[in-house]
Amino acid sequence: MKTLFLTTAAIALTAGFAVAQDAAPADPLATPEVETEAPEVGATESSDMNTDGGGGSAMGAFADTAVRDIVGKNVLAEDGNNVGEVEALFIEGDQVQAVVGVGGFLGIGEHDVAVPLADFVVTDQGMMLPELSQEELEAMNAFDGEAESMPLNVTVAGDPVEEEVIPVPDAGGVPTDG
């Protein structure tokens, strides 16, 4: 019995190692493919973000998108390089602004700037600023942090977001009442 267990364990470890060896490493020098134009009205998007034009709203193409679906997304400069992430959203006048943490490492040395949300387009790699380079973002005035962040459970337009209901699996015929 002990021999059977050891043999089975050795086969499982070897099989796992062999499967891991099959994956081809990603090319770290490859330039990511990004869309540089906003999607057409009615275009199907693979993410939860609604980028269908926003009906001409001052909120831009993201009016129906939940704030929680934007905060934390990677931000790409015009060349497609990752330059930071969206830290928060806030409203200034009639525009929604995104606080972008630019540069730094693990939050240290990061430079927060405010960029109008309407300036972003969505790509598979994150949210792109097709008109700004990393150098331009780093040269922007630092965000002073004086604005109140939008809550995560609303859309960019301010409407409440329906909470996602996760169904509980059937108990398999086991009585649930005591």
Protein backbone atom coordinates (compact mmCIF):
# COMPACT_ATOMS: atom_id res chain seq x y z
CA MET A 1 0.00 0.00 0.00
CA LYS A 2 2.83 2.37 0.88
CA THR A 3 4.51 1.63 -2.47
CA LEU A 4 1.26 2.32 -4.34
CA PHE A 5 0.91 5.70 -2.59
CA LEU A 6 4.51 6.72 -3.33
CA THR A 7 4.22 5.63 -6.97
CA THR A 8 0.98 7.57 -7.41
CA ALA A 9 2.51 10.67 -5.79
CA ALA A 10 5.60 10.45 -8.03
CA ILE A 11 3.46 10.14 -11.18
CA ALA A 12 1.29 13.09 -10.14
CA LEU A 13 4.32 15.30 -9.52
CA THR A 14 5.96 14.28 -12.78
CA ALA A 15 2.77 14.88 -14.76
CA GLY A 16 2.34 18.33 -13.22
CA PHE A 17 5.96 19.21 -14.06
CA ALA A 18 5.53 18.02 -17.63
CA VAL A 19 2.37 20.12 -18.11
CA ALA A 20 4.11 23.20 -16.72
CA GLN A 21 6.95 22.74 -19.21
CA ASP A 22 4.56 22.85 -22.17
CA ALA A 23 3.62 26.52 -21.76
CA ALA A 24 5.58 28.88 -23.99
CA PRO A 25 6.90 31.92 -22.14
CA ALA A 26 5.45 35.29 -23.12
CA ASP A 27 7.72 37.61 -25.02
CA PRO A 28 8.49 40.42 -22.56
CA LEU A 29 9.61 42.71 -25.39
CA ALA A 30 6.41 42.32 -27.40
CA THR A 31 4.36 45.48 -27.86
CA PRO A 32 0.79 44.99 -26.62
CA GLU A 33 -1.92 45.33 -29.22
CA VAL A 34 -4.34 48.07 -28.28
CA GLU A 35 -7.35 49.75 -29.79
CA THR A 36 -6.71 53.44 -30.25
CA GLU A 37 -10.27 54.35 -31.18
CA ALA A 38 -13.36 54.16 -29.02
CA PRO A 39 -15.66 51.24 -29.85
CA GLU A 40 -18.58 51.94 -32.18
CA VAL A 41 -22.03 52.48 -30.73
CA GLY A 42 -23.57 49.10 -29.98
CA ALA A 43 -20.23 47.28 -30.21
CA THR A 44 -19.92 44.23 -28.01
CA GLU A 45 -17.25 44.60 -25.33
CA SER A 46 -15.74 41.59 -23.57
CA SER A 47 -15.48 43.39 -20.22
CA ASP A 48 -18.20 44.63 -17.89
CA MET A 49 -17.46 48.22 -18.91
CA ASN A 50 -20.08 49.95 -21.01
CA THR A 51 -18.24 51.98 -23.62
CA ASP A 52 -21.08 52.43 -26.08
CA GLY A 53 -20.93 56.20 -26.34
CA GLY A 54 -22.87 57.18 -23.21
CA GLY A 55 -25.61 58.93 -25.16
CA GLY A 56 -23.73 62.24 -25.37
CA SER A 57 -23.65 62.63 -21.60
CA ALA A 58 -21.09 64.80 -19.83
CA MET A 59 -20.09 61.53 -18.14
CA GLY A 60 -18.66 60.27 -21.43
CA ALA A 61 -18.83 56.73 -22.70
CA PHE A 62 -18.64 55.36 -19.16
CA ALA A 63 -21.97 56.74 -17.83
CA ASP A 64 -23.50 53.29 -17.26
CA THR A 65 -20.28 51.67 -16.03
CA ALA A 66 -19.95 50.84 -12.33
CA VAL A 67 -17.23 52.84 -10.57
CA ARG A 68 -15.95 49.54 -9.12
CA ASP A 69 -15.30 48.30 -12.68
CA ILE A 70 -12.97 51.24 -13.38
CA VAL A 71 -11.08 51.72 -10.10
CA GLY A 72 -7.98 49.50 -10.07
CA LYS A 73 -7.71 49.19 -13.85
CA ASN A 74 -4.29 49.60 -15.43
CA VAL A 75 -3.66 52.88 -17.25
CA LEU A 76 -1.73 52.83 -20.50
CA ALA A 77 0.01 55.78 -22.13
CA GLU A 78 -0.29 56.53 -25.85
CA ASP A 79 2.49 54.03 -26.63
CA GLY A 80 0.63 51.18 -24.88
CA ASN A 81 3.01 51.01 -21.90
CA ASN A 82 1.48 50.57 -18.45
CA VAL A 83 2.03 53.82 -16.51
CA GLY A 84 -0.13 53.27 -13.43
CA GLU A 85 -3.68 52.55 -12.36
CA VAL A 86 -6.97 54.28 -11.65
CA GLU A 87 -7.02 55.01 -7.90
CA ALA A 88 -10.44 56.69 -7.63
CA LEU A 89 -13.08 58.71 -9.48
CA PHE A 90 -14.49 62.08 -8.43
CA ILE A 91 -16.77 64.73 -9.91
CA GLU A 92 -15.42 68.18 -10.66
CA GLY A 93 -17.98 70.55 -12.16
CA ASP A 94 -19.77 68.54 -14.82
CA GLN A 95 -16.88 66.14 -15.51
CA VAL A 96 -15.86 62.88 -13.90
CA GLN A 97 -12.14 62.85 -13.19
CA ALA A 98 -9.99 59.75 -12.69
CA VAL A 99 -7.19 59.88 -10.14
CA VAL A 100 -4.29 58.06 -11.79
CA GLY A 101 -1.30 56.89 -9.76
CA VAL A 102 1.62 57.34 -12.17
CA GLY A 103 5.06 55.81 -11.71
CA GLY A 104 6.46 54.56 -8.46
CA PHE A 105 6.85 51.00 -7.28
CA LEU A 106 4.25 49.34 -5.05
CA GLY A 107 2.77 52.75 -4.29
CA ILE A 108 6.08 54.28 -3.22
CA GLY A 109 7.06 57.35 -5.22
CA GLU A 110 3.72 57.36 -7.01
CA HIS A 111 2.52 60.68 -8.49
CA ASP A 112 -1.29 61.07 -8.43
CA VAL A 113 -2.81 63.17 -11.21
CA ALA A 114 -6.41 63.92 -12.22
CA VAL A 115 -7.42 63.13 -15.80
CA PRO A 116 -10.93 63.54 -17.30
CA LEU A 117 -12.55 60.12 -17.62
CA ALA A 118 -13.74 61.09 -21.10
CA ASP A 119 -10.07 61.08 -22.25
CA PHE A 120 -9.80 57.29 -21.74
CA VAL A 121 -10.56 54.44 -24.14
CA VAL A 122 -10.87 50.82 -23.06
CA THR A 123 -8.45 48.17 -24.37
CA ASP A 124 -7.90 44.53 -23.46
CA GLN A 125 -4.88 45.56 -21.34
CA GLY A 126 -6.57 48.39 -19.43
CA MET A 127 -7.68 51.97 -19.90
CA MET A 128 -5.63 53.90 -22.44
CA LEU A 129 -4.92 57.61 -22.67
CA PRO A 130 -4.31 57.81 -26.42
CA GLU A 131 -3.31 61.50 -26.30
CA LEU A 132 -0.86 61.40 -23.35
CA SER A 133 2.65 60.01 -22.91
CA GLN A 134 4.12 58.82 -19.62
CA GLU A 135 6.32 61.93 -19.56
CA GLU A 136 3.28 64.20 -19.98
CA LEU A 137 1.44 62.40 -17.17
CA GLU A 138 4.44 62.67 -14.86
CA ALA A 139 4.75 66.41 -15.67
CA MET A 140 1.11 67.12 -14.71
CA ASN A 141 0.35 68.91 -11.45
CA ALA A 142 -0.15 66.52 -8.56
CA PHE A 143 -3.74 65.84 -7.51
CA ASP A 144 -4.30 67.56 -4.17
CA GLY A 145 -6.71 64.93 -2.83
CA GLU A 146 -9.32 67.54 -1.88
CA ALA A 147 -12.22 65.93 -3.79
CA GLU A 148 -14.56 63.27 -2.42
CA SER A 149 -14.21 59.92 -4.19
CA MET A 150 -17.27 58.43 -5.84
CA PRO A 151 -18.58 55.32 -4.06
CA LEU A 152 -17.85 52.00 -5.73
CA ASN A 153 -21.48 50.83 -5.74
CA VAL A 154 -22.77 53.44 -8.22
CA THR A 155 -22.37 54.00 -11.94
CA VAL A 156 -20.30 56.87 -13.26
CA ALA A 157 -23.61 58.71 -13.80
CA GLY A 158 -24.40 58.19 -10.10
CA ASP A 159 -27.10 55.55 -10.41
CA PRO A 160 -27.05 52.67 -7.89
CA VAL A 161 -25.53 49.43 -9.13
CA GLU A 162 -27.49 46.23 -8.70
CA GLU A 163 -25.64 43.86 -6.43
CA GLU A 164 -24.67 40.59 -8.07
CA VAL A 165 -26.61 37.67 -6.57
CA ILE A 166 -24.64 34.44 -6.43
CA PRO A 167 -26.94 31.40 -6.40
CA VAL A 168 -26.47 28.88 -3.61
CA PRO A 169 -26.04 25.31 -4.91
CA ASP A 170 -28.82 22.83 -4.19
CA ALA A 171 -28.26 20.85 -0.99
CA GLY A 172 -28.69 17.60 -2.96
CA GLY A 173 -31.89 16.43 -1.30
CA VAL A 174 -30.64 16.94 2.22
CA PRO A 175 -33.36 18.49 4.37
CA THR A 176 -32.45 22.04 5.34
CA ASP A 177 -35.06 22.65 8.03
CA GLY A 178 -33.91 21.56 11.49
